[in-house]
Amino acid sequence: MSAALAKIIGAFTGDIIAYLPYDINDTKIFYGVPPVKMGGFDFVSARHTNPQSQLVMSLGGGGVFVENINKAGVIEIGLLNGALSAAAIQIMELTGIPTPITITDLSSKGTSTVFGAACKLIGTPEWRRDLQPSLTIYTFECPNLLVSQGVRLPA
């Protein structure tokens, strides 16, 4: 949603919407050891492959949320075709050693962070690559993915 759209919605509802537009330039990605700062990316996404909590009901009628110890997840990075960062990914993958990926949003002052401890490049499905032909999409599988949503601080 753009800032202009937020003002229009605020005019209809009579409220002031505290909206800070998202800027991809505030996102930083570091890959490998030593960390290499990546550039030329269009998007980045991270998700867990399993639900992170589950409601377990007890015989007494109440229930408790139990956290899943399986923190496996997937990180997707869309690089512009011809970006130099693709070379860093390809060189690190030739070694066959799982590498860490750190993603942080500077507008959150470091509170919004994604960290994959030992990420391994896996194949991106053909249908996913066909959706954005101007991008090279790299998909990483992480056995331990830590995601901190953080807070967006006002400017």
C-alpha atoms as a PDB file:
ATOM      1  CA  MET A   1       0.000   0.000   0.000  1.00  0.00           C
ATOM      2  CA  SER A   2       1.341   3.423  -0.898  1.00  0.00           C
ATOM      3  CA  ALA A   3       1.352   6.477   1.348  1.00  0.00           C
ATOM      4  CA  ALA A   4      -1.192   8.149  -0.979  1.00  0.00           C
ATOM      5  CA  LEU A   5      -3.579   5.206  -0.630  1.00  0.00           C
ATOM      6  CA  ALA A   6      -3.198   5.326   3.164  1.00  0.00           C
ATOM      7  CA  LYS A   7      -4.268   9.007   3.109  1.00  0.00           C
ATOM      8  CA  ILE A   8      -7.342   8.199   0.987  1.00  0.00           C
ATOM      9  CA  ILE A   9      -8.396   5.392   3.337  1.00  0.00           C
ATOM     10  CA  GLY A  10      -7.794   7.679   6.310  1.00  0.00           C
ATOM     11  CA  ALA A  11     -10.048  10.336   4.744  1.00  0.00           C
ATOM     12  CA  PHE A  12     -12.920   7.827   4.422  1.00  0.00           C
ATOM     13  CA  THR A  13     -12.591   6.432   7.923  1.00  0.00           C
ATOM     14  CA  GLY A  14     -11.812   9.748   9.616  1.00  0.00           C
ATOM     15  CA  ASP A  15      -8.728   8.279  11.249  1.00  0.00           C
ATOM     16  CA  ILE A  16      -5.081   9.040  10.802  1.00  0.00           C
ATOM     17  CA  ILE A  17      -3.277   5.943   9.593  1.00  0.00           C
ATOM     18  CA  ALA A  18       0.232   5.647  10.972  1.00  0.00           C
ATOM     19  CA  TYR A  19       1.742   4.097   7.874  1.00  0.00           C
ATOM     20  CA  LEU A  20       5.394   3.971   6.983  1.00  0.00           C
ATOM     21  CA  PRO A  21       5.939   2.889   3.360  1.00  0.00           C
ATOM     22  CA  TYR A  22       8.269  -0.059   2.963  1.00  0.00           C
ATOM     23  CA  ASP A  23      11.533   0.533   1.135  1.00  0.00           C
ATOM     24  CA  ILE A  24      13.516  -2.462  -0.187  1.00  0.00           C
ATOM     25  CA  ASN A  25      16.666  -0.317  -0.010  1.00  0.00           C
ATOM     26  CA  ASP A  26      16.458  -0.571   3.790  1.00  0.00           C
ATOM     27  CA  THR A  27      16.888  -4.353   3.567  1.00  0.00           C
ATOM     28  CA  LYS A  28      20.399  -5.799   3.788  1.00  0.00           C
ATOM     29  CA  ILE A  29      21.338  -9.392   2.965  1.00  0.00           C
ATOM     30  CA  PHE A  30      24.602 -11.019   4.032  1.00  0.00           C
ATOM     31  CA  TYR A  31      25.611 -14.404   2.642  1.00  0.00           C
ATOM     32  CA  GLY A  32      28.395 -16.821   3.524  1.00  0.00           C
ATOM     33  CA  VAL A  33      31.455 -16.799   5.763  1.00  0.00           C
ATOM     34  CA  PRO A  34      32.917 -14.197   5.849  1.00  0.00           C
ATOM     35  CA  PRO A  35      29.634 -12.348   5.267  1.00  0.00           C
ATOM     36  CA  VAL A  36      29.311 -10.942   1.750  1.00  0.00           C
ATOM     37  CA  LYS A  37      26.831  -8.080   1.380  1.00  0.00           C
ATOM     38  CA  MET A  38      24.502  -8.866  -1.496  1.00  0.00           C
ATOM     39  CA  GLY A  39      23.210  -6.280  -3.931  1.00  0.00           C
ATOM     40  CA  GLY A  40      20.940  -6.276  -6.944  1.00  0.00           C
ATOM     41  CA  PHE A  41      18.077  -8.113  -5.269  1.00  0.00           C
ATOM     42  CA  ASP A  42      14.445  -7.388  -6.041  1.00  0.00           C
ATOM     43  CA  PHE A  43      12.760  -9.358  -3.266  1.00  0.00           C
ATOM     44  CA  VAL A  44      13.515 -11.671  -0.385  1.00  0.00           C
ATOM     45  CA  SER A  45      11.141 -13.952   1.507  1.00  0.00           C
ATOM     46  CA  ALA A  46      11.500 -16.383   4.398  1.00  0.00           C
ATOM     47  CA  ARG A  47       9.021 -18.873   5.797  1.00  0.00           C
ATOM     48  CA  HIS A  48       8.964 -21.873   8.080  1.00  0.00           C
ATOM     49  CA  THR A  49       7.991 -25.147   6.452  1.00  0.00           C
ATOM     50  CA  ASN A  50       6.090 -26.342   9.537  1.00  0.00           C
ATOM     51  CA  PRO A  51       3.593 -24.645  11.871  1.00  0.00           C
ATOM     52  CA  GLN A  52       5.511 -23.098  14.764  1.00  0.00           C
ATOM     53  CA  SER A  53       2.907 -23.729  17.473  1.00  0.00           C
ATOM     54  CA  GLN A  54       0.028 -26.104  18.015  1.00  0.00           C
ATOM     55  CA  LEU A  55      -2.894 -26.085  20.435  1.00  0.00           C
ATOM     56  CA  VAL A  56      -2.956 -29.292  22.475  1.00  0.00           C
ATOM     57  CA  MET A  57      -6.211 -29.819  24.348  1.00  0.00           C
ATOM     58  CA  SER A  58      -6.208 -31.429  27.790  1.00  0.00           C
ATOM     59  CA  LEU A  59      -8.823 -33.688  29.345  1.00  0.00           C
ATOM     60  CA  GLY A  60      -9.779 -30.943  31.802  1.00  0.00           C
ATOM     61  CA  GLY A  61     -11.130 -28.772  28.978  1.00  0.00           C
ATOM     62  CA  GLY A  62      -8.309 -26.264  28.729  1.00  0.00           C
ATOM     63  CA  GLY A  63      -5.479 -26.327  26.323  1.00  0.00           C
ATOM     64  CA  VAL A  64      -1.929 -25.202  25.953  1.00  0.00           C
ATOM     65  CA  PHE A  65       0.078 -23.990  22.979  1.00  0.00           C
ATOM     66  CA  VAL A  66       3.124 -26.154  22.372  1.00  0.00           C
ATOM     67  CA  GLU A  67       6.045 -24.779  20.370  1.00  0.00           C
ATOM     68  CA  ASN A  68       7.432 -26.859  17.535  1.00  0.00           C
ATOM     69  CA  ILE A  69      11.131 -27.653  17.936  1.00  0.00           C
ATOM     70  CA  ASN A  70      11.468 -28.137  14.166  1.00  0.00           C
ATOM     71  CA  LYS A  71      12.554 -24.692  12.948  1.00  0.00           C
ATOM     72  CA  ALA A  72      13.255 -25.715   9.341  1.00  0.00           C
ATOM     73  CA  GLY A  73      12.445 -23.121   6.701  1.00  0.00           C
ATOM     74  CA  VAL A  74      12.977 -21.760   3.218  1.00  0.00           C
ATOM     75  CA  ILE A  75      14.566 -18.473   2.114  1.00  0.00           C
ATOM     76  CA  GLU A  76      13.982 -17.122  -1.401  1.00  0.00           C
ATOM     77  CA  ILE A  77      16.096 -14.358  -2.908  1.00  0.00           C
ATOM     78  CA  GLY A  78      15.211 -12.809  -6.274  1.00  0.00           C
ATOM     79  CA  LEU A  79      18.286 -11.297  -7.917  1.00  0.00           C
ATOM     80  CA  LEU A  80      18.220  -9.180 -11.040  1.00  0.00           C
ATOM     81  CA  ASN A  81      19.639 -11.014 -14.049  1.00  0.00           C
ATOM     82  CA  GLY A  82      23.360 -10.344 -14.270  1.00  0.00           C
ATOM     83  CA  ALA A  83      23.784  -9.237 -10.642  1.00  0.00           C
ATOM     84  CA  LEU A  84      27.275  -9.728  -9.228  1.00  0.00           C
ATOM     85  CA  SER A  85      25.847 -11.278  -6.072  1.00  0.00           C
ATOM     86  CA  ALA A  86      24.885 -14.343  -8.108  1.00  0.00           C
ATOM     87  CA  ALA A  87      28.614 -15.093  -8.468  1.00  0.00           C
ATOM     88  CA  ALA A  88      29.046 -15.175  -4.678  1.00  0.00           C
ATOM     89  CA  ILE A  89      26.188 -17.660  -4.359  1.00  0.00           C
ATOM     90  CA  GLN A  90      27.531 -19.883  -7.133  1.00  0.00           C
ATOM     91  CA  ILE A  91      31.101 -19.881  -5.745  1.00  0.00           C
ATOM     92  CA  MET A  92      29.933 -20.716  -2.217  1.00  0.00           C
ATOM     93  CA  GLU A  93      27.714 -23.515  -3.539  1.00  0.00           C
ATOM     94  CA  LEU A  94      30.667 -25.085  -5.398  1.00  0.00           C
ATOM     95  CA  THR A  95      32.265 -25.786  -2.015  1.00  0.00           C
ATOM     96  CA  GLY A  96      29.240 -27.840  -0.931  1.00  0.00           C
ATOM     97  CA  ILE A  97      29.356 -26.367   2.571  1.00  0.00           C
ATOM     98  CA  PRO A  98      26.081 -24.998   3.999  1.00  0.00           C
ATOM     99  CA  THR A  99      26.408 -21.272   4.567  1.00  0.00           C
ATOM    100  CA  PRO A 100      24.590 -18.773   6.791  1.00  0.00           C
ATOM    101  CA  ILE A 101      22.253 -16.092   5.469  1.00  0.00           C
ATOM    102  CA  THR A 102      21.392 -12.990   7.479  1.00  0.00           C
ATOM    103  CA  ILE A 103      18.645 -10.583   6.406  1.00  0.00           C
ATOM    104  CA  THR A 104      17.901  -7.413   8.336  1.00  0.00           C
ATOM    105  CA  ASP A 105      15.653  -4.390   7.860  1.00  0.00           C
ATOM    106  CA  LEU A 106      17.411  -1.148   8.766  1.00  0.00           C
ATOM    107  CA  SER A 107      14.122   0.742   9.253  1.00  0.00           C
ATOM    108  CA  SER A 108      13.463  -1.484  12.278  1.00  0.00           C
ATOM    109  CA  LYS A 109      16.869  -0.611  13.793  1.00  0.00           C
ATOM    110  CA  GLY A 110      17.893  -4.276  13.660  1.00  0.00           C
ATOM    111  CA  THR A 111      14.849  -5.728  15.422  1.00  0.00           C
ATOM    112  CA  SER A 112      13.496  -7.292  12.222  1.00  0.00           C
ATOM    113  CA  THR A 113      15.939 -10.052  11.330  1.00  0.00           C
ATOM    114  CA  VAL A 114      16.002 -13.405   9.561  1.00  0.00           C
ATOM    115  CA  PHE A 115      18.889 -15.782  10.193  1.00  0.00           C
ATOM    116  CA  GLY A 116      19.428 -19.134   8.502  1.00  0.00           C
ATOM    117  CA  ALA A 117      22.320 -20.954  10.163  1.00  0.00           C
ATOM    118  CA  ALA A 118      23.242 -23.566   7.550  1.00  0.00           C
ATOM    119  CA  CYS A 119      21.467 -22.830   4.276  1.00  0.00           C
ATOM    120  CA  LYS A 120      21.789 -25.078   1.250  1.00  0.00           C
ATOM    121  CA  LEU A 121      20.763 -24.075  -2.267  1.00  0.00           C
ATOM    122  CA  ILE A 122      17.917 -26.183  -3.647  1.00  0.00           C
ATOM    123  CA  GLY A 123      16.186 -26.116  -6.995  1.00  0.00           C
ATOM    124  CA  THR A 124      13.606 -23.439  -7.679  1.00  0.00           C
ATOM    125  CA  PRO A 125      10.501 -24.818  -9.432  1.00  0.00           C
ATOM    126  CA  GLU A 126      10.127 -23.922 -13.106  1.00  0.00           C
ATOM    127  CA  TRP A 127       6.700 -22.339 -12.585  1.00  0.00           C
ATOM    128  CA  ARG A 128       8.185 -20.041  -9.919  1.00  0.00           C
ATOM    129  CA  ARG A 129      10.953 -18.859 -12.250  1.00  0.00           C
ATOM    130  CA  ASP A 130       8.466 -18.270 -15.084  1.00  0.00           C
ATOM    131  CA  LEU A 131       6.473 -15.793 -12.967  1.00  0.00           C
ATOM    132  CA  GLN A 132       9.350 -13.285 -13.019  1.00  0.00           C
ATOM    133  CA  PRO A 133      11.536 -13.833 -16.094  1.00  0.00           C
ATOM    134  CA  SER A 134      13.763 -10.807 -15.389  1.00  0.00           C
ATOM    135  CA  LEU A 135      14.914 -12.312 -12.065  1.00  0.00           C
ATOM    136  CA  THR A 136      17.107 -15.219 -11.079  1.00  0.00           C
ATOM    137  CA  ILE A 137      15.436 -16.799  -8.063  1.00  0.00           C
ATOM    138  CA  TYR A 138      17.561 -18.677  -5.553  1.00  0.00           C
ATOM    139  CA  THR A 139      15.815 -20.933  -3.041  1.00  0.00           C
ATOM    140  CA  PHE A 140      17.657 -22.007   0.104  1.00  0.00           C
ATOM    141  CA  GLU A 141      16.624 -24.668   2.590  1.00  0.00           C
ATOM    142  CA  CYS A 142      17.575 -24.008   6.213  1.00  0.00           C
ATOM    143  CA  PRO A 143      17.387 -26.643   8.970  1.00  0.00           C
ATOM    144  CA  ASN A 144      17.275 -23.869  11.575  1.00  0.00           C
ATOM    145  CA  LEU A 145      15.553 -20.635  10.522  1.00  0.00           C
ATOM    146  CA  LEU A 146      15.147 -17.859  13.066  1.00  0.00           C
ATOM    147  CA  VAL A 147      12.638 -15.126  12.210  1.00  0.00           C
ATOM    148  CA  SER A 148      12.171 -11.997  14.304  1.00  0.00           C
ATOM    149  CA  GLN A 149       9.349  -9.784  13.028  1.00  0.00           C
ATOM    150  CA  GLY A 150      10.612  -6.728  14.886  1.00  0.00           C
ATOM    151  CA  VAL A 151       8.945  -3.336  14.986  1.00  0.00           C
ATOM    152  CA  ARG A 152       8.836  -0.600  12.370  1.00  0.00           C
ATOM    153  CA  LEU A 153       9.980   2.616  13.950  1.00  0.00           C
ATOM    154  CA  PRO A 154       8.551   5.924  12.719  1.00  0.00           C
ATOM    155  CA  ALA A 155      10.918   8.133  10.739  1.00  0.00           C
END
